[in-house]
Amino acid sequence: MASPGISLGMKGQQETLVCEHNVAPHVKKFSTPAMIQLMEQAASAVVNGNLEESEVSVGIEVNIRHLAASDIGATIVAHAELIEIDRNRLTFQVEAYDADRKIGDGTHKRAIIKTGG
């Protein structure tokens, strides 16, 4: 069962700057793994402050399309919206944008687990 403070429609976001550390080395464009990580962080931001002390959320599934390339120096913003709650499993609609366009979209699932603490 999801924590009482978690409800459908909750939103979160994260942003990053494209740099040498998060590009695909052969093309010098924002990498797909970096985009997925940013989307996961946005989803995590939705629930982090709403979990009980003995709970954490962990990523369990990603279904992402990388739609466009972004150059070094671009700011990428990832948005996540909670669209489904199935007991302890949360599904998020995720999207990523640079200044010009949407560069990625899809879904990300997280599970709420007890840490035993």
PDB file of N, CA and C in Angstrom:
ATOM      1  N   MET A   1       0.852  -1.192   0.000  1.00  0.00           N
ATOM      2  CA  MET A   1       0.000   0.000   0.000  1.00  0.00           C
ATOM      3  C   MET A   1       0.883   1.235   0.000  1.00  0.00           C
ATOM      4  N   ALA A   2       0.598   2.186  -0.861  1.00  0.00           N
ATOM      5  CA  ALA A   2       1.363   3.428  -0.928  1.00  0.00           C
ATOM      6  C   ALA A   2       1.109   4.272   0.320  1.00  0.00           C
ATOM      7  N   SER A   3       2.082   5.073   0.675  1.00  0.00           N
ATOM      8  CA  SER A   3       1.960   5.963   1.833  1.00  0.00           C
ATOM      9  C   SER A   3       0.786   6.909   1.656  1.00  0.00           C
ATOM     10  N   PRO A   4       0.137   7.314   2.750  1.00  0.00           N
ATOM     11  CA  PRO A   4      -1.038   8.184   2.662  1.00  0.00           C
ATOM     12  C   PRO A   4      -0.766   9.525   1.975  1.00  0.00           C
ATOM     13  N   GLY A   5       0.461  10.042   2.032  1.00  0.00           N
ATOM     14  CA  GLY A   5       0.774  11.323   1.435  1.00  0.00           C
ATOM     15  C   GLY A   5       0.994  11.283  -0.063  1.00  0.00           C
ATOM     16  N   ILE A   6       0.857  10.103  -0.664  1.00  0.00           N
ATOM     17  CA  ILE A   6       1.101   9.945  -2.094  1.00  0.00           C
ATOM     18  C   ILE A   6      -0.231   9.799  -2.814  1.00  0.00           C
ATOM     19  N   SER A   7      -0.436  10.623  -3.857  1.00  0.00           N
ATOM     20  CA  SER A   7      -1.707  10.569  -4.585  1.00  0.00           C
ATOM     21  C   SER A   7      -1.491  10.813  -6.073  1.00  0.00           C
ATOM     22  N   LEU A   8      -2.437  10.340  -6.859  1.00  0.00           N
ATOM     23  CA  LEU A   8      -2.384  10.537  -8.307  1.00  0.00           C
ATOM     24  C   LEU A   8      -2.280  12.016  -8.642  1.00  0.00           C
ATOM     25  N   GLY A   9      -1.548  12.300  -9.701  1.00  0.00           N
ATOM     26  CA  GLY A   9      -1.413  13.669 -10.167  1.00  0.00           C
ATOM     27  C   GLY A   9      -0.240  14.424  -9.568  1.00  0.00           C
ATOM     28  N   MET A  10       0.424  13.845  -8.565  1.00  0.00           N
ATOM     29  CA  MET A  10       1.593  14.512  -7.989  1.00  0.00           C
ATOM     30  C   MET A  10       2.668  14.649  -9.066  1.00  0.00           C
ATOM     31  N   LYS A  11       3.421  15.763  -9.015  1.00  0.00           N
ATOM     32  CA  LYS A  11       4.418  16.043 -10.042  1.00  0.00           C
ATOM     33  C   LYS A  11       5.762  16.396  -9.422  1.00  0.00           C
ATOM     34  N   GLY A  12       6.814  16.105 -10.178  1.00  0.00           N
ATOM     35  CA  GLY A  12       8.163  16.474  -9.774  1.00  0.00           C
ATOM     36  C   GLY A  12       8.993  16.776 -10.998  1.00  0.00           C
ATOM     37  N   GLN A  13      10.138  17.416 -10.772  1.00  0.00           N
ATOM     38  CA  GLN A  13      11.030  17.683 -11.889  1.00  0.00           C
ATOM     39  C   GLN A  13      12.466  17.752 -11.409  1.00  0.00           C
ATOM     40  N   GLN A  14      13.377  17.538 -12.335  1.00  0.00           N
ATOM     41  CA  GLN A  14      14.821  17.644 -12.114  1.00  0.00           C
ATOM     42  C   GLN A  14      15.410  18.268 -13.364  1.00  0.00           C
ATOM     43  N   GLU A  15      16.530  18.934 -13.200  1.00  0.00           N
ATOM     44  CA  GLU A  15      17.203  19.466 -14.378  1.00  0.00           C
ATOM     45  C   GLU A  15      18.702  19.250 -14.276  1.00  0.00           C
ATOM     46  N   THR A  16      19.335  19.266 -15.436  1.00  0.00           N
ATOM     47  CA  THR A  16      20.781  19.124 -15.518  1.00  0.00           C
ATOM     48  C   THR A  16      21.291  19.895 -16.715  1.00  0.00           C
ATOM     49  N   LEU A  17      22.576  20.157 -16.694  1.00  0.00           N
ATOM     50  CA  LEU A  17      23.252  20.803 -17.804  1.00  0.00           C
ATOM     51  C   LEU A  17      24.014  19.735 -18.578  1.00  0.00           C
ATOM     52  N   VAL A  18      23.873  19.722 -19.892  1.00  0.00           N
ATOM     53  CA  VAL A  18      24.612  18.764 -20.710  1.00  0.00           C
ATOM     54  C   VAL A  18      26.090  19.164 -20.689  1.00  0.00           C
ATOM     55  N   CYS A  19      26.941  18.199 -20.311  1.00  0.00           N
ATOM     56  CA  CYS A  19      28.378  18.454 -20.222  1.00  0.00           C
ATOM     57  C   CYS A  19      29.128  17.196 -20.648  1.00  0.00           C
ATOM     58  N   GLU A  20      30.429  17.238 -20.597  1.00  0.00           N
ATOM     59  CA  GLU A  20      31.261  16.100 -21.006  1.00  0.00           C
ATOM     60  C   GLU A  20      30.943  14.823 -20.227  1.00  0.00           C
ATOM     61  N   HIS A  21      30.378  14.944 -19.022  1.00  0.00           N
ATOM     62  CA  HIS A  21      30.117  13.792 -18.157  1.00  0.00           C
ATOM     63  C   HIS A  21      28.817  13.055 -18.473  1.00  0.00           C
ATOM     64  N   ASN A  22      27.921  13.654 -19.247  1.00  0.00           N
ATOM     65  CA  ASN A  22      26.642  12.997 -19.510  1.00  0.00           C
ATOM     66  C   ASN A  22      26.299  12.925 -20.997  1.00  0.00           C
ATOM     67  N   VAL A  23      27.320  12.920 -21.839  1.00  0.00           N
ATOM     68  CA  VAL A  23      27.104  12.785 -23.277  1.00  0.00           C
ATOM     69  C   VAL A  23      27.571  11.419 -23.756  1.00  0.00           C
ATOM     70  N   ALA A  24      27.027  11.007 -24.887  1.00  0.00           N
ATOM     71  CA  ALA A  24      27.535   9.814 -25.572  1.00  0.00           C
ATOM     72  C   ALA A  24      28.863  10.229 -26.210  1.00  0.00           C
ATOM     73  N   PRO A  25      29.960   9.560 -25.873  1.00  0.00           N
ATOM     74  CA  PRO A  25      31.281  10.041 -26.288  1.00  0.00           C
ATOM     75  C   PRO A  25      31.494  10.121 -27.797  1.00  0.00           C
ATOM     76  N   HIS A  26      30.871   9.243 -28.556  1.00  0.00           N
ATOM     77  CA  HIS A  26      31.095   9.215 -29.996  1.00  0.00           C
ATOM     78  C   HIS A  26      30.368  10.326 -30.754  1.00  0.00           C
ATOM     79  N   VAL A  27      29.332  10.926 -30.147  1.00  0.00           N
ATOM     80  CA  VAL A  27      28.579  11.989 -30.828  1.00  0.00           C
ATOM     81  C   VAL A  27      28.531  13.298 -30.047  1.00  0.00           C
ATOM     82  N   LYS A  28      28.945  13.280 -28.777  1.00  0.00           N
ATOM     83  CA  LYS A  28      28.939  14.477 -27.916  1.00  0.00           C
ATOM     84  C   LYS A  28      27.548  15.096 -27.783  1.00  0.00           C
ATOM     85  N   LYS A  29      26.546  14.231 -27.648  1.00  0.00           N
ATOM     86  CA  LYS A  29      25.157  14.640 -27.416  1.00  0.00           C
ATOM     87  C   LYS A  29      24.688  13.997 -26.118  1.00  0.00           C
ATOM     88  N   PHE A  30      23.666  14.603 -25.487  1.00  0.00           N
ATOM     89  CA  PHE A  30      23.112  14.086 -24.229  1.00  0.00           C
ATOM     90  C   PHE A  30      22.780  12.614 -24.406  1.00  0.00           C
ATOM     91  N   SER A  31      23.279  11.775 -23.512  1.00  0.00           N
ATOM     92  CA  SER A  31      23.131  10.330 -23.673  1.00  0.00           C
ATOM     93  C   SER A  31      21.777   9.827 -23.172  1.00  0.00           C
ATOM     94  N   THR A  32      21.360   8.715 -23.721  1.00  0.00           N
ATOM     95  CA  THR A  32      20.111   8.083 -23.285  1.00  0.00           C
ATOM     96  C   THR A  32      20.181   7.654 -21.823  1.00  0.00           C
ATOM     97  N   PRO A  33      21.274   7.007 -21.361  1.00  0.00           N
ATOM     98  CA  PRO A  33      21.322   6.660 -19.932  1.00  0.00           C
ATOM     99  C   PRO A  33      21.214   7.885 -19.013  1.00  0.00           C
ATOM    100  N   ALA A  34      21.824   9.003 -19.403  1.00  0.00           N
ATOM    101  CA  ALA A  34      21.730  10.216 -18.583  1.00  0.00           C
ATOM    102  C   ALA A  34      20.296  10.744 -18.552  1.00  0.00           C
ATOM    103  N   MET A  35      19.589  10.661 -19.681  1.00  0.00           N
ATOM    104  CA  MET A  35      18.208  11.118 -19.733  1.00  0.00           C
ATOM    105  C   MET A  35      17.324  10.230 -18.850  1.00  0.00           C
ATOM    106  N   ILE A  36      17.527   8.921 -18.930  1.00  0.00           N
ATOM    107  CA  ILE A  36      16.747   7.997 -18.098  1.00  0.00           C
ATOM    108  C   ILE A  36      17.002   8.280 -16.623  1.00  0.00           C
ATOM    109  N   GLN A  37      18.261   8.482 -16.252  1.00  0.00           N
ATOM    110  CA  GLN A  37      18.584   8.786 -14.861  1.00  0.00           C
ATOM    111  C   GLN A  37      17.894  10.063 -14.393  1.00  0.00           C
ATOM    112  N   LEU A  38      17.895  11.091 -15.234  1.00  0.00           N
ATOM    113  CA  LEU A  38      17.241  12.347 -14.876  1.00  0.00           C
ATOM    114  C   LEU A  38      15.735  12.150 -14.700  1.00  0.00           C
ATOM    115  N   MET A  39      15.124  11.357 -15.580  1.00  0.00           N
ATOM    116  CA  MET A  39      13.689  11.064 -15.457  1.00  0.00           C
ATOM    117  C   MET A  39      13.399  10.296 -14.166  1.00  0.00           C
ATOM    118  N   GLU A  40      14.256   9.337 -13.827  1.00  0.00           N
ATOM    119  CA  GLU A  40      14.091   8.597 -12.570  1.00  0.00           C
ATOM    120  C   GLU A  40      14.208   9.523 -11.374  1.00  0.00           C
ATOM    121  N   GLN A  41      15.140  10.463 -11.425  1.00  0.00           N
ATOM    122  CA  GLN A  41      15.302  11.422 -10.332  1.00  0.00           C
ATOM    123  C   GLN A  41      14.074  12.308 -10.192  1.00  0.00           C
ATOM    124  N   ALA A  42      13.464  12.685 -11.307  1.00  0.00           N
ATOM    125  CA  ALA A  42      12.242  13.495 -11.259  1.00  0.00           C
ATOM    126  C   ALA A  42      11.113  12.716 -10.601  1.00  0.00           C
ATOM    127  N   ALA A  43      10.982  11.439 -10.951  1.00  0.00           N
ATOM    128  CA  ALA A  43       9.944  10.601 -10.332  1.00  0.00           C
ATOM    129  C   ALA A  43      10.223  10.402  -8.848  1.00  0.00           C
ATOM    130  N   SER A  44      11.462  10.170  -8.511  1.00  0.00           N
ATOM    131  CA  SER A  44      11.841  10.002  -7.115  1.00  0.00           C
ATOM    132  C   SER A  44      11.514  11.265  -6.312  1.00  0.00           C
ATOM    133  N   ALA A  45      11.721  12.431  -6.929  1.00  0.00           N
ATOM    134  CA  ALA A  45      11.432  13.699  -6.258  1.00  0.00           C
ATOM    135  C   ALA A  45       9.954  13.834  -5.904  1.00  0.00           C
ATOM    136  N   VAL A  46       9.094  13.173  -6.668  1.00  0.00           N
ATOM    137  CA  VAL A  46       7.657  13.220  -6.387  1.00  0.00           C
ATOM    138  C   VAL A  46       7.350  12.587  -5.034  1.00  0.00           C
ATOM    139  N   VAL A  47       8.004  11.477  -4.727  1.00  0.00           N
ATOM    140  CA  VAL A  47       7.636  10.715  -3.535  1.00  0.00           C
ATOM    141  C   VAL A  47       8.574  10.876  -2.346  1.00  0.00           C
ATOM    142  N   ASN A  48       9.798  11.348  -2.567  1.00  0.00           N
ATOM    143  CA  ASN A  48      10.796  11.368  -1.485  1.00  0.00           C
ATOM    144  C   ASN A  48      10.300  11.963  -0.184  1.00  0.00           C
ATOM    145  N   GLY A  49       9.677  13.114  -0.223  1.00  0.00           N
ATOM    146  CA  GLY A  49       9.229  13.762   1.000  1.00  0.00           C
ATOM    147  C   GLY A  49       7.926  13.231   1.559  1.00  0.00           C
ATOM    148  N   ASN A  50       7.341  12.233   0.920  1.00  0.00           N
ATOM    149  CA  ASN A  50       6.031  11.734   1.326  1.00  0.00           C
ATOM    150  C   ASN A  50       6.057  10.290   1.807  1.00  0.00           C
ATOM    151  N   LEU A  51       7.244   9.745   2.006  1.00  0.00           N
ATOM    152  CA  LEU A  51       7.353   8.365   2.480  1.00  0.00           C
ATOM    153  C   LEU A  51       7.493   8.332   3.994  1.00  0.00           C
ATOM    154  N   GLU A  52       7.105   7.204   4.579  1.00  0.00           N
ATOM    155  CA  GLU A  52       7.334   7.016   6.003  1.00  0.00           C
ATOM    156  C   GLU A  52       8.829   6.838   6.229  1.00  0.00           C
ATOM    157  N   GLU A  53       9.268   7.039   7.459  1.00  0.00           N
ATOM    158  CA  GLU A  53      10.692   6.981   7.786  1.00  0.00           C
ATOM    159  C   GLU A  53      11.331   5.643   7.413  1.00  0.00           C
ATOM    160  N   SER A  54      10.565   4.576   7.458  1.00  0.00           N
ATOM    161  CA  SER A  54      11.097   3.235   7.177  1.00  0.00           C
ATOM    162  C   SER A  54      10.900   2.806   5.727  1.00  0.00           C
ATOM    163  N   GLU A  55      10.586   3.752   4.838  1.00  0.00           N
ATOM    164  CA  GLU A  55      10.334   3.424   3.434  1.00  0.00           C
ATOM    165  C   GLU A  55      11.309   4.153   2.512  1.00  0.00           C
ATOM    166  N   VAL A  56      11.571   3.520   1.374  1.00  0.00           N
ATOM    167  CA  VAL A  56      12.305   4.146   0.277  1.00  0.00           C
ATOM    168  C   VAL A  56      11.607   3.743  -1.012  1.00  0.00           C
ATOM    169  N   SER A  57      11.849   4.519  -2.072  1.00  0.00           N
ATOM    170  CA  SER A  57      11.333   4.114  -3.376  1.00  0.00           C
ATOM    171  C   SER A  57      12.515   3.719  -4.245  1.00  0.00           C
ATOM    172  N   VAL A  58      12.312   2.681  -5.034  1.00  0.00           N
ATOM    173  CA  VAL A  58      13.362   2.183  -5.927  1.00  0.00           C
ATOM    174  C   VAL A  58      12.772   2.012  -7.321  1.00  0.00           C
ATOM    175  N   GLY A  59      13.590   2.319  -8.325  1.00  0.00           N
ATOM    176  CA  GLY A  59      13.155   2.137  -9.702  1.00  0.00           C
ATOM    177  C   GLY A  59      13.073   0.669 -10.050  1.00  0.00           C
ATOM    178  N   ILE A  60      12.000   0.280 -10.751  1.00  0.00           N
ATOM    179  CA  ILE A  60      11.844  -1.132 -11.119  1.00  0.00           C
ATOM    180  C   ILE A  60      11.612  -1.339 -12.613  1.00  0.00           C
ATOM    181  N   GLU A  61      11.280  -0.275 -13.344  1.00  0.00           N
ATOM    182  CA  GLU A  61      11.031  -0.451 -14.785  1.00  0.00           C
ATOM    183  C   GLU A  61      11.093   0.902 -15.480  1.00  0.00           C
ATOM    184  N   VAL A  62      11.681   0.919 -16.678  1.00  0.00           N
ATOM    185  CA  VAL A  62      11.664   2.116 -17.508  1.00  0.00           C
ATOM    186  C   VAL A  62      11.237   1.728 -18.917  1.00  0.00           C
ATOM    187  N   ASN A  63      10.463   2.597 -19.535  1.00  0.00           N
ATOM    188  CA  ASN A  63      10.046   2.437 -20.917  1.00  0.00           C
ATOM    189  C   ASN A  63      10.145   3.832 -21.541  1.00  0.00           C
ATOM    190  N   ILE A  64      11.305   4.114 -22.120  1.00  0.00           N
ATOM    191  CA  ILE A  64      11.644   5.473 -22.534  1.00  0.00           C
ATOM    192  C   ILE A  64      11.986   5.524 -24.016  1.00  0.00           C
ATOM    193  N   ARG A  65      11.546   6.597 -24.675  1.00  0.00           N
ATOM    194  CA  ARG A  65      11.966   6.889 -26.053  1.00  0.00           C
ATOM    195  C   ARG A  65      12.845   8.139 -26.015  1.00  0.00           C
ATOM    196  N   HIS A  66      14.016   8.068 -26.645  1.00  0.00           N
ATOM    197  CA  HIS A  66      14.897   9.231 -26.776  1.00  0.00           C
ATOM    198  C   HIS A  66      14.615   9.816 -28.154  1.00  0.00           C
ATOM    199  N   LEU A  67      13.997  10.993 -28.195  1.00  0.00           N
ATOM    200  CA  LEU A  67      13.433  11.543 -29.425  1.00  0.00           C
ATOM    201  C   LEU A  67      14.340  12.511 -30.181  1.00  0.00           C
ATOM    202  N   ALA A  68      15.253  13.176 -29.472  1.00  0.00           N
ATOM    203  CA  ALA A  68      16.076  14.194 -30.117  1.00  0.00           C
ATOM    204  C   ALA A  68      17.384  14.360 -29.366  1.00  0.00           C
ATOM    205  N   ALA A  69      18.406  14.811 -30.076  1.00  0.00           N
ATOM    206  CA  ALA A  69      19.733  15.005 -29.487  1.00  0.00           C
ATOM    207  C   ALA A  69      19.862  16.425 -28.936  1.00  0.00           C
ATOM    208  N   SER A  70      20.608  16.557 -27.824  1.00  0.00           N
ATOM    209  CA  SER A  70      20.861  17.870 -27.232  1.00  0.00           C
ATOM    210  C   SER A  70      22.363  18.068 -27.091  1.00  0.00           C
ATOM    211  N   ASP A  71      22.812  19.267 -27.400  1.00  0.00           N
ATOM    212  CA  ASP A  71      24.230  19.594 -27.410  1.00  0.00           C
ATOM    213  C   ASP A  71      24.767  19.938 -26.026  1.00  0.00           C
ATOM    214  N   ILE A  72      26.077  19.851 -25.885  1.00  0.00           N
ATOM    215  CA  ILE A  72      26.752  20.307 -24.676  1.00  0.00           C
ATOM    216  C   ILE A  72      26.370  21.770 -24.447  1.00  0.00           C
ATOM    217  N   GLY A  73      26.057  22.089 -23.202  1.00  0.00           N
ATOM    218  CA  GLY A  73      25.634  23.443 -22.831  1.00  0.00           C
ATOM    219  C   GLY A  73      24.132  23.595 -22.689  1.00  0.00           C
ATOM    220  N   ALA A  74      23.359  22.643 -23.227  1.00  0.00           N
ATOM    221  CA  ALA A  74      21.894  22.712 -23.127  1.00  0.00           C
ATOM    222  C   ALA A  74      21.449  22.354 -21.707  1.00  0.00           C
ATOM    223  N   THR A  75      20.373  22.987 -21.261  1.00  0.00           N
ATOM    224  CA  THR A  75      19.742  22.618 -19.994  1.00  0.00           C
ATOM    225  C   THR A  75      18.614  21.655 -20.308  1.00  0.00           C
ATOM    226  N   ILE A  76      18.616  20.520 -19.624  1.00  0.00           N
ATOM    227  CA  ILE A  76      17.576  19.503 -19.794  1.00  0.00           C
ATOM    228  C   ILE A  76      16.711  19.479 -18.540  1.00  0.00           C
ATOM    229  N   VAL A  77      15.399  19.523 -18.727  1.00  0.00           N
ATOM    230  CA  VAL A  77      14.459  19.455 -17.608  1.00  0.00           C
ATOM    231  C   VAL A  77      13.591  18.216 -17.796  1.00  0.00           C
ATOM    232  N   ALA A  78      13.563  17.364 -16.779  1.00  0.00           N
ATOM    233  CA  ALA A  78      12.720  16.164 -16.793  1.00  0.00           C
ATOM    234  C   ALA A  78      11.526  16.397 -15.868  1.00  0.00           C
ATOM    235  N   HIS A  79      10.353  16.008 -16.349  1.00  0.00           N
ATOM    236  CA  HIS A  79       9.109  16.119 -15.585  1.00  0.00           C
ATOM    237  C   HIS A  79       8.555  14.719 -15.353  1.00  0.00           C
ATOM    238  N   ALA A  80       7.985  14.501 -14.177  1.00  0.00           N
ATOM    239  CA  ALA A  80       7.337  13.232 -13.858  1.00  0.00           C
ATOM    240  C   ALA A  80       5.989  13.507 -13.214  1.00  0.00           C
ATOM    241  N   GLU A  81       4.981  12.748 -13.627  1.00  0.00           N
ATOM    242  CA  GLU A  81       3.650  12.845 -13.026  1.00  0.00           C
ATOM    243  C   GLU A  81       3.178  11.459 -12.651  1.00  0.00           C
ATOM    244  N   LEU A  82       2.715  11.311 -11.413  1.00  0.00           N
ATOM    245  CA  LEU A  82       2.204  10.025 -10.936  1.00  0.00           C
ATOM    246  C   LEU A  82       0.854   9.748 -11.576  1.00  0.00           C
ATOM    247  N   ILE A  83       0.789   8.666 -12.368  1.00  0.00           N
ATOM    248  CA  ILE A  83      -0.444   8.372 -13.113  1.00  0.00           C
ATOM    249  C   ILE A  83      -1.137   7.082 -12.670  1.00  0.00           C
ATOM    250  N   GLU A  84      -0.452   6.262 -11.863  1.00  0.00           N
ATOM    251  CA  GLU A  84      -1.085   5.021 -11.410  1.00  0.00           C
ATOM    252  C   GLU A  84      -0.454   4.572 -10.094  1.00  0.00           C
ATOM    253  N   ILE A  85      -1.314   4.095  -9.188  1.00  0.00           N
ATOM    254  CA  ILE A  85      -0.863   3.510  -7.929  1.00  0.00           C
ATOM    255  C   ILE A  85      -1.452   2.117  -7.835  1.00  0.00           C
ATOM    256  N   ASP A  86      -0.590   1.120  -7.728  1.00  0.00           N
ATOM    257  CA  ASP A  86      -1.009  -0.267  -7.568  1.00  0.00           C
ATOM    258  C   ASP A  86      -0.320  -0.814  -6.327  1.00  0.00           C
ATOM    259  N   ARG A  87      -0.982  -0.699  -5.192  1.00  0.00           N
ATOM    260  CA  ARG A  87      -0.438  -1.062  -3.878  1.00  0.00           C
ATOM    261  C   ARG A  87       0.867  -0.324  -3.619  1.00  0.00           C
ATOM    262  N   ASN A  88       2.006  -0.992  -3.718  1.00  0.00           N
ATOM    263  CA  ASN A  88       3.282  -0.323  -3.452  1.00  0.00           C
ATOM    264  C   ASN A  88       4.025   0.046  -4.740  1.00  0.00           C
ATOM    265  N   ARG A  89       3.370  -0.096  -5.882  1.00  0.00           N
ATOM    266  CA  ARG A  89       3.998   0.225  -7.172  1.00  0.00           C
ATOM    267  C   ARG A  89       3.396   1.516  -7.737  1.00  0.00           C
ATOM    268  N   LEU A  90       4.291   2.409  -8.149  1.00  0.00           N
ATOM    269  CA  LEU A  90       3.886   3.708  -8.666  1.00  0.00           C
ATOM    270  C   LEU A  90       4.326   3.823 -10.119  1.00  0.00           C
ATOM    271  N   THR A  91       3.431   4.298 -10.983  1.00  0.00           N
ATOM    272  CA  THR A  91       3.764   4.508 -12.390  1.00  0.00           C
ATOM    273  C   THR A  91       3.728   6.001 -12.689  1.00  0.00           C
ATOM    274  N   PHE A  92       4.777   6.464 -13.352  1.00  0.00           N
ATOM    275  CA  PHE A  92       4.929   7.867 -13.699  1.00  0.00           C
ATOM    276  C   PHE A  92       4.979   8.052 -15.206  1.00  0.00           C
ATOM    277  N   GLN A  93       4.318   9.086 -15.699  1.00  0.00           N
ATOM    278  CA  GLN A  93       4.527   9.570 -17.058  1.00  0.00           C
ATOM    279  C   GLN A  93       5.724  10.500 -16.954  1.00  0.00           C
ATOM    280  N   VAL A  94       6.752  10.274 -17.784  1.00  0.00           N
ATOM    281  CA  VAL A  94       7.957  11.096 -17.727  1.00  0.00           C
ATOM    282  C   VAL A  94       8.244  11.715 -19.090  1.00  0.00           C
ATOM    283  N   GLU A  95       8.764  12.927 -19.057  1.00  0.00           N
ATOM    284  CA  GLU A  95       9.146  13.639 -20.276  1.00  0.00           C
ATOM    285  C   GLU A  95      10.402  14.444 -19.981  1.00  0.00           C
ATOM    286  N   ALA A  96      11.210  14.659 -21.019  1.00  0.00           N
ATOM    287  CA  ALA A  96      12.397  15.497 -20.888  1.00  0.00           C
ATOM    288  C   ALA A  96      12.397  16.510 -22.023  1.00  0.00           C
ATOM    289  N   TYR A  97      12.829  17.736 -21.705  1.00  0.00           N
ATOM    290  CA  TYR A  97      12.843  18.834 -22.661  1.00  0.00           C
ATOM    291  C   TYR A  97      14.182  19.560 -22.609  1.00  0.00           C
ATOM    292  N   ASP A  98      14.637  20.032 -23.764  1.00  0.00           N
ATOM    293  CA  ASP A  98      15.672  21.057 -23.778  1.00  0.00           C
ATOM    294  C   ASP A  98      14.955  22.365 -24.107  1.00  0.00           C
ATOM    295  N   ALA A  99      15.666  23.428 -24.374  1.00  0.00           N
ATOM    296  CA  ALA A  99      15.017  24.729 -24.594  1.00  0.00           C
ATOM    297  C   ALA A  99      14.114  24.741 -25.826  1.00  0.00           C
ATOM    298  N   ASP A 100      14.394  23.850 -26.788  1.00  0.00           N
ATOM    299  CA  ASP A 100      13.690  23.900 -28.067  1.00  0.00           C
ATOM    300  C   ASP A 100      12.553  22.903 -28.231  1.00  0.00           C
ATOM    301  N   ARG A 101      12.624  21.771 -27.521  1.00  0.00           N
ATOM    302  CA  ARG A 101      11.661  20.702 -27.841  1.00  0.00           C
ATOM    303  C   ARG A 101      11.676  19.598 -26.781  1.00  0.00           C
ATOM    304  N   LYS A 102      10.688  18.706 -26.926  1.00  0.00           N
ATOM    305  CA  LYS A 102      10.686  17.493 -26.113  1.00  0.00           C
ATOM    306  C   LYS A 102      11.746  16.563 -26.685  1.00  0.00           C
ATOM    307  N   ILE A 103      12.624  16.048 -25.807  1.00  0.00           N
ATOM    308  CA  ILE A 103      13.679  15.153 -26.276  1.00  0.00           C
ATOM    309  C   ILE A 103      13.472  13.702 -25.838  1.00  0.00           C
ATOM    310  N   GLY A 104      12.490  13.467 -24.955  1.00  0.00           N
ATOM    311  CA  GLY A 104      12.230  12.102 -24.526  1.00  0.00           C
ATOM    312  C   GLY A 104      10.909  11.991 -23.801  1.00  0.00           C
ATOM    313  N   ASP A 105      10.333  10.787 -23.822  1.00  0.00           N
ATOM    314  CA  ASP A 105       9.109  10.541 -23.072  1.00  0.00           C
ATOM    315  C   ASP A 105       8.964   9.052 -22.794  1.00  0.00           C
ATOM    316  N   GLY A 106       8.017   8.733 -21.945  1.00  0.00           N
ATOM    317  CA  GLY A 106       7.758   7.335 -21.621  1.00  0.00           C
ATOM    318  C   GLY A 106       7.171   7.184 -20.242  1.00  0.00           C
ATOM    319  N   THR A 107       7.399   6.010 -19.662  1.00  0.00           N
ATOM    320  CA  THR A 107       6.925   5.721 -18.313  1.00  0.00           C
ATOM    321  C   THR A 107       8.070   5.181 -17.468  1.00  0.00           C
ATOM    322  N   HIS A 108       7.915   5.373 -16.183  1.00  0.00           N
ATOM    323  CA  HIS A 108       8.883   4.863 -15.206  1.00  0.00           C
ATOM    324  C   HIS A 108       8.084   4.333 -14.020  1.00  0.00           C
ATOM    325  N   LYS A 109       8.447   3.145 -13.550  1.00  0.00           N
ATOM    326  CA  LYS A 109       7.769   2.558 -12.387  1.00  0.00           C
ATOM    327  C   LYS A 109       8.744   2.494 -11.217  1.00  0.00           C
ATOM    328  N   ARG A 110       8.208   2.782 -10.046  1.00  0.00           N
ATOM    329  CA  ARG A 110       8.972   2.699  -8.804  1.00  0.00           C
ATOM    330  C   ARG A 110       8.190   1.860  -7.813  1.00  0.00           C
ATOM    331  N   ALA A 111       8.878   1.185  -6.927  1.00  0.00           N
ATOM    332  CA  ALA A 111       8.248   0.420  -5.857  1.00  0.00           C
ATOM    333  C   ALA A 111       8.630   1.060  -4.523  1.00  0.00           C
ATOM    334  N   ILE A 112       7.688   1.084  -3.613  1.00  0.00           N
ATOM    335  CA  ILE A 112       7.956   1.548  -2.253  1.00  0.00           C
ATOM    336  C   ILE A 112       8.262   0.302  -1.429  1.00  0.00           C
ATOM    337  N   ILE A 113       9.423   0.295  -0.802  1.00  0.00           N
ATOM    338  CA  ILE A 113       9.810  -0.862   0.002  1.00  0.00           C
ATOM    339  C   ILE A 113      10.148  -0.428   1.424  1.00  0.00           C
ATOM    340  N   LYS A 114       9.938  -1.330   2.351  1.00  0.00           N
ATOM    341  CA  LYS A 114      10.282  -1.092   3.757  1.00  0.00           C
ATOM    342  C   LYS A 114      11.765  -1.375   3.942  1.00  0.00           C
ATOM    343  N   THR A 115      12.440  -0.496   4.680  1.00  0.00           N
ATOM    344  CA  THR A 115      13.871  -0.676   4.904  1.00  0.00           C
ATOM    345  C   THR A 115      14.164  -1.438   6.190  1.00  0.00           C
ATOM    346  N   GLY A 116      13.148  -1.666   6.980  1.00  0.00           N
ATOM    347  CA  GLY A 116      13.330  -2.385   8.230  1.00  0.00           C
ATOM    348  C   GLY A 116      13.764  -1.489   9.367  1.00  0.00           C
ATOM    349  N   GLY A 117      13.851  -0.176   9.087  1.00  0.00           N
ATOM    350  CA  GLY A 117      14.324   0.773  10.110  1.00  0.00           C
ATOM    351  C   GLY A 117      13.244   1.394  10.897  1.00  0.00           C
TER     352      GLY A 117
END
